[in-house]
Amino acid sequence: MEDHKLPNSTLILVFGILSIVTCCCYGILGLIFGIVALVLANKATAIYLENPENYTDYGNVKTGKILAIIGIVLSVIYLIMTIGAISFFGFENIQDQELMREKMEELLG
């Protein structure tokens, strides 16, 4: 019987990589890519487990799933840090570099 590639296996890997690369974009893009990769990986895993002998590229799915989880964690951490900085310093202070420098000097003494 002919081996088939798992659906979206390459896309899962690419989205997993993109979730890590874009986690510094305020955490939003990395979170989106990571969640999409995780959902697609779960669907591909379910398909693979029905007939494992008929499919190849399960390694890409596993790797993409791991990268997506790492990307989600990094994105959530970065998003929490961004929200914390905005709530602590204020949005206006973050946008103005001189005000931010003054606030940091006050904070550090």
N, C-alpha and C. Protein backbone atom coordinates (compact mmCIF):
# COMPACT_ATOMS: atom_id res chain seq x y z
N MET A 1 0.84 -1.18 0.00
CA MET A 1 0.00 0.00 0.00
C MET A 1 0.89 1.24 0.00
N GLU A 2 0.41 2.27 -0.62
CA GLU A 2 1.18 3.50 -0.79
C GLU A 2 1.15 4.36 0.48
N ASP A 3 2.33 4.86 0.87
CA ASP A 3 2.40 5.75 2.03
C ASP A 3 2.01 7.16 1.62
N HIS A 4 1.23 7.81 2.45
CA HIS A 4 0.80 9.18 2.20
C HIS A 4 1.42 10.09 3.25
N LYS A 5 1.60 11.35 2.88
CA LYS A 5 2.05 12.33 3.86
C LYS A 5 0.86 12.74 4.71
N LEU A 6 1.12 12.99 5.97
CA LEU A 6 0.06 13.48 6.84
C LEU A 6 -0.38 14.86 6.38
N PRO A 7 -1.67 15.14 6.44
CA PRO A 7 -2.13 16.47 6.01
C PRO A 7 -1.58 17.55 6.94
N ASN A 8 -1.08 18.61 6.31
CA ASN A 8 -0.58 19.80 7.01
C ASN A 8 0.66 19.55 7.85
N SER A 9 1.41 18.48 7.61
CA SER A 9 2.58 18.21 8.45
C SER A 9 3.65 19.29 8.30
N THR A 10 3.87 19.75 7.09
CA THR A 10 4.85 20.81 6.88
C THR A 10 4.34 22.14 7.44
N LEU A 11 3.06 22.40 7.29
CA LEU A 11 2.47 23.63 7.80
C LEU A 11 2.56 23.69 9.33
N ILE A 12 2.37 22.55 9.98
CA ILE A 12 2.48 22.49 11.43
C ILE A 12 3.89 22.84 11.87
N LEU A 13 4.88 22.30 11.17
CA LEU A 13 6.27 22.59 11.48
C LEU A 13 6.59 24.07 11.27
N VAL A 14 6.13 24.63 10.17
CA VAL A 14 6.38 26.05 9.87
C VAL A 14 5.69 26.94 10.90
N PHE A 15 4.45 26.65 11.26
CA PHE A 15 3.75 27.45 12.25
C PHE A 15 4.39 27.32 13.63
N GLY A 16 4.92 26.15 13.94
CA GLY A 16 5.63 25.97 15.21
C GLY A 16 6.87 26.84 15.26
N ILE A 17 7.61 26.88 14.16
CA ILE A 17 8.80 27.74 14.09
C ILE A 17 8.40 29.20 14.16
N LEU A 18 7.36 29.58 13.43
CA LEU A 18 6.91 30.98 13.44
C LEU A 18 6.39 31.41 14.81
N SER A 19 5.85 30.49 15.57
CA SER A 19 5.36 30.85 16.91
C SER A 19 6.52 31.24 17.82
N ILE A 20 7.68 30.62 17.64
CA ILE A 20 8.84 30.99 18.43
C ILE A 20 9.46 32.29 17.91
N VAL A 21 9.55 32.41 16.60
CA VAL A 21 10.18 33.59 16.01
C VAL A 21 9.37 34.85 16.30
N THR A 22 8.06 34.76 16.27
CA THR A 22 7.21 35.94 16.43
C THR A 22 6.70 36.13 17.86
N CYS A 23 7.26 35.42 18.82
CA CYS A 23 6.79 35.59 20.21
C CYS A 23 7.13 36.96 20.75
N CYS A 24 8.11 37.64 20.18
CA CYS A 24 8.48 38.99 20.65
C CYS A 24 7.64 40.09 20.02
N CYS A 25 6.68 39.76 19.22
CA CYS A 25 5.77 40.76 18.64
C CYS A 25 4.60 40.96 19.60
N TYR A 26 4.94 41.43 20.81
CA TYR A 26 4.00 41.63 21.91
C TYR A 26 3.29 40.35 22.33
N GLY A 27 3.75 39.20 21.87
CA GLY A 27 3.17 37.93 22.27
C GLY A 27 1.95 37.51 21.48
N ILE A 28 1.37 38.41 20.72
CA ILE A 28 0.11 38.11 20.04
C ILE A 28 0.32 37.16 18.85
N LEU A 29 1.23 37.51 17.96
CA LEU A 29 1.44 36.69 16.77
C LEU A 29 1.94 35.29 17.12
N GLY A 30 2.86 35.22 18.06
CA GLY A 30 3.37 33.91 18.48
C GLY A 30 2.29 33.05 19.08
N LEU A 31 1.39 33.67 19.82
CA LEU A 31 0.28 32.94 20.42
C LEU A 31 -0.67 32.41 19.35
N ILE A 32 -0.95 33.22 18.35
CA ILE A 32 -1.84 32.79 17.26
C ILE A 32 -1.22 31.63 16.48
N PHE A 33 0.04 31.80 16.06
CA PHE A 33 0.70 30.72 15.31
C PHE A 33 0.80 29.45 16.14
N GLY A 34 1.11 29.59 17.41
CA GLY A 34 1.25 28.41 18.28
C GLY A 34 -0.05 27.66 18.47
N ILE A 35 -1.13 28.39 18.68
CA ILE A 35 -2.43 27.74 18.89
C ILE A 35 -2.89 27.04 17.61
N VAL A 36 -2.72 27.71 16.47
CA VAL A 36 -3.11 27.08 15.19
C VAL A 36 -2.29 25.82 14.95
N ALA A 37 -0.99 25.89 15.20
CA ALA A 37 -0.12 24.71 15.00
C ALA A 37 -0.52 23.58 15.94
N LEU A 38 -0.87 23.91 17.17
CA LEU A 38 -1.26 22.89 18.14
C LEU A 38 -2.56 22.21 17.75
N VAL A 39 -3.52 22.97 17.29
CA VAL A 39 -4.80 22.40 16.85
C VAL A 39 -4.60 21.49 15.64
N LEU A 40 -3.83 21.98 14.66
CA LEU A 40 -3.56 21.16 13.47
C LEU A 40 -2.78 19.90 13.83
N ALA A 41 -1.84 20.02 14.78
CA ALA A 41 -1.05 18.85 15.19
C ALA A 41 -1.93 17.81 15.88
N ASN A 42 -2.88 18.25 16.68
CA ASN A 42 -3.77 17.30 17.34
C ASN A 42 -4.64 16.56 16.31
N LYS A 43 -5.10 17.28 15.30
CA LYS A 43 -5.90 16.63 14.25
C LYS A 43 -5.05 15.63 13.46
N ALA A 44 -3.82 16.04 13.12
CA ALA A 44 -2.93 15.14 12.36
C ALA A 44 -2.54 13.93 13.19
N THR A 45 -2.36 14.10 14.49
CA THR A 45 -2.03 12.97 15.36
C THR A 45 -3.18 11.98 15.42
N ALA A 46 -4.41 12.49 15.48
CA ALA A 46 -5.57 11.59 15.50
C ALA A 46 -5.67 10.80 14.20
N ILE A 47 -5.38 11.45 13.08
CA ILE A 47 -5.40 10.75 11.79
C ILE A 47 -4.31 9.70 11.74
N TYR A 48 -3.13 10.04 12.23
CA TYR A 48 -2.00 9.12 12.21
C TYR A 48 -2.26 7.89 13.08
N LEU A 49 -2.86 8.10 14.25
CA LEU A 49 -3.08 6.99 15.17
C LEU A 49 -4.13 6.00 14.66
N GLU A 50 -4.98 6.41 13.73
CA GLU A 50 -5.96 5.48 13.16
C GLU A 50 -5.26 4.43 12.29
N ASN A 51 -4.34 4.85 11.44
CA ASN A 51 -3.59 3.96 10.56
C ASN A 51 -2.14 4.42 10.47
N PRO A 52 -1.30 4.10 11.44
CA PRO A 52 0.07 4.61 11.42
C PRO A 52 0.91 4.08 10.26
N GLU A 53 0.58 2.92 9.75
CA GLU A 53 1.38 2.35 8.65
C GLU A 53 1.11 3.03 7.31
N ASN A 54 0.05 3.79 7.20
CA ASN A 54 -0.30 4.44 5.93
C ASN A 54 0.28 5.83 5.77
N TYR A 55 0.87 6.39 6.83
CA TYR A 55 1.30 7.79 6.77
C TYR A 55 2.77 7.94 7.10
N THR A 56 3.36 8.95 6.49
CA THR A 56 4.73 9.34 6.80
C THR A 56 4.71 10.77 7.34
N ASP A 57 5.85 11.30 7.67
CA ASP A 57 6.02 12.67 8.16
C ASP A 57 5.41 12.91 9.54
N TYR A 58 5.29 11.88 10.35
CA TYR A 58 4.80 12.10 11.71
C TYR A 58 5.85 12.83 12.55
N GLY A 59 7.11 12.71 12.18
CA GLY A 59 8.17 13.43 12.87
C GLY A 59 8.00 14.94 12.78
N ASN A 60 7.58 15.42 11.60
CA ASN A 60 7.31 16.85 11.45
C ASN A 60 6.18 17.31 12.36
N VAL A 61 5.17 16.47 12.50
CA VAL A 61 4.03 16.82 13.35
C VAL A 61 4.47 16.90 14.82
N LYS A 62 5.25 15.92 15.27
CA LYS A 62 5.72 15.93 16.66
C LYS A 62 6.62 17.12 16.93
N THR A 63 7.53 17.39 16.00
CA THR A 63 8.44 18.52 16.17
C THR A 63 7.68 19.84 16.16
N GLY A 64 6.73 19.99 15.23
CA GLY A 64 5.92 21.20 15.17
C GLY A 64 5.09 21.39 16.42
N LYS A 65 4.58 20.30 16.99
CA LYS A 65 3.79 20.39 18.21
C LYS A 65 4.66 20.86 19.38
N ILE A 66 5.86 20.33 19.49
CA ILE A 66 6.77 20.75 20.56
C ILE A 66 7.15 22.22 20.40
N LEU A 67 7.47 22.62 19.16
CA LEU A 67 7.80 24.02 18.91
C LEU A 67 6.63 24.94 19.19
N ALA A 68 5.42 24.49 18.88
CA ALA A 68 4.23 25.30 19.14
C ALA A 68 4.02 25.49 20.65
N ILE A 69 4.24 24.45 21.43
CA ILE A 69 4.09 24.56 22.88
C ILE A 69 5.13 25.54 23.44
N ILE A 70 6.37 25.43 22.96
CA ILE A 70 7.42 26.36 23.39
C ILE A 70 7.06 27.79 22.99
N GLY A 71 6.57 27.97 21.76
CA GLY A 71 6.18 29.29 21.28
C GLY A 71 5.03 29.88 22.07
N ILE A 72 4.06 29.06 22.45
CA ILE A 72 2.93 29.52 23.25
C ILE A 72 3.41 29.98 24.62
N VAL A 73 4.27 29.19 25.25
CA VAL A 73 4.78 29.56 26.57
C VAL A 73 5.56 30.87 26.51
N LEU A 74 6.46 31.00 25.53
CA LEU A 74 7.23 32.23 25.39
C LEU A 74 6.33 33.43 25.09
N SER A 75 5.32 33.23 24.27
CA SER A 75 4.41 34.31 23.92
C SER A 75 3.60 34.77 25.12
N VAL A 76 3.14 33.82 25.93
CA VAL A 76 2.37 34.17 27.11
C VAL A 76 3.26 34.93 28.10
N ILE A 77 4.49 34.49 28.28
CA ILE A 77 5.42 35.20 29.18
C ILE A 77 5.65 36.61 28.68
N TYR A 78 5.90 36.76 27.39
CA TYR A 78 6.16 38.09 26.84
C TYR A 78 4.92 38.98 26.93
N LEU A 79 3.75 38.41 26.70
CA LEU A 79 2.50 39.17 26.80
C LEU A 79 2.26 39.64 28.23
N ILE A 80 2.52 38.79 29.20
CA ILE A 80 2.37 39.16 30.61
C ILE A 80 3.36 40.27 30.98
N MET A 81 4.60 40.16 30.48
CA MET A 81 5.58 41.20 30.75
C MET A 81 5.17 42.53 30.13
N THR A 82 4.62 42.50 28.93
CA THR A 82 4.18 43.72 28.26
C THR A 82 3.01 44.36 29.00
N ILE A 83 2.04 43.56 29.39
CA ILE A 83 0.90 44.08 30.14
C ILE A 83 1.36 44.64 31.49
N GLY A 84 2.29 43.94 32.13
CA GLY A 84 2.83 44.42 33.40
C GLY A 84 3.56 45.75 33.25
N ALA A 85 4.35 45.89 32.18
CA ALA A 85 5.07 47.14 31.96
C ALA A 85 4.11 48.28 31.67
N ILE A 86 3.08 48.02 30.90
CA ILE A 86 2.10 49.07 30.60
C ILE A 86 1.34 49.46 31.87
N SER A 87 0.97 48.49 32.69
CA SER A 87 0.23 48.83 33.90
C SER A 87 1.12 49.50 34.93
N PHE A 88 2.41 49.17 34.97
CA PHE A 88 3.30 49.75 35.96
C PHE A 88 3.77 51.15 35.56
N PHE A 89 4.22 51.30 34.31
CA PHE A 89 4.78 52.57 33.86
C PHE A 89 3.74 53.48 33.21
N GLY A 90 2.70 52.91 32.65
CA GLY A 90 1.72 53.69 31.91
C GLY A 90 2.07 53.71 30.43
N PHE A 91 1.04 53.77 29.61
CA PHE A 91 1.25 53.69 28.16
C PHE A 91 2.00 54.90 27.61
N GLU A 92 1.74 56.09 28.17
CA GLU A 92 2.39 57.30 27.69
C GLU A 92 3.89 57.27 27.99
N ASN A 93 4.25 56.77 29.18
CA ASN A 93 5.66 56.71 29.55
C ASN A 93 6.44 55.72 28.70
N ILE A 94 5.81 54.65 28.31
CA ILE A 94 6.50 53.65 27.50
C ILE A 94 6.77 54.19 26.10
N GLN A 95 5.86 54.98 25.57
CA GLN A 95 6.04 55.52 24.23
C GLN A 95 7.10 56.61 24.18
N ASP A 96 7.27 57.37 25.25
CA ASP A 96 8.24 58.46 25.28
C ASP A 96 9.52 57.95 25.94
N GLN A 97 10.61 57.95 25.19
CA GLN A 97 11.86 57.37 25.67
C GLN A 97 12.44 58.17 26.85
N GLU A 98 12.32 59.47 26.81
CA GLU A 98 12.86 60.31 27.89
C GLU A 98 12.09 60.08 29.20
N LEU A 99 10.76 60.01 29.12
CA LEU A 99 9.97 59.73 30.31
C LEU A 99 10.26 58.34 30.86
N MET A 100 10.47 57.39 29.99
CA MET A 100 10.79 56.03 30.41
C MET A 100 12.13 56.00 31.14
N ARG A 101 13.10 56.74 30.64
CA ARG A 101 14.40 56.81 31.29
C ARG A 101 14.27 57.41 32.69
N GLU A 102 13.46 58.47 32.83
CA GLU A 102 13.25 59.08 34.14
C GLU A 102 12.58 58.13 35.11
N LYS A 103 11.58 57.39 34.64
CA LYS A 103 10.88 56.43 35.50
C LYS A 103 11.83 55.31 35.94
N MET A 104 12.68 54.85 35.03
CA MET A 104 13.64 53.78 35.38
C MET A 104 14.65 54.29 36.40
N GLU A 105 15.10 55.55 36.26
CA GLU A 105 16.03 56.12 37.24
C GLU A 105 15.38 56.27 38.60
N GLU A 106 14.10 56.66 38.63
CA GLU A 106 13.37 56.74 39.89
C GLU A 106 13.24 55.37 40.53
N LEU A 107 12.97 54.38 39.71
CA LEU A 107 12.79 53.02 40.20
C LEU A 107 14.08 52.45 40.76
N LEU A 108 15.19 52.69 40.07
CA LEU A 108 16.47 52.13 40.48
C LEU A 108 17.19 53.00 41.52
N GLY A 109 16.74 54.23 41.70
CA GLY A 109 17.32 55.09 42.73
C GLY A 109 18.40 55.90 42.25
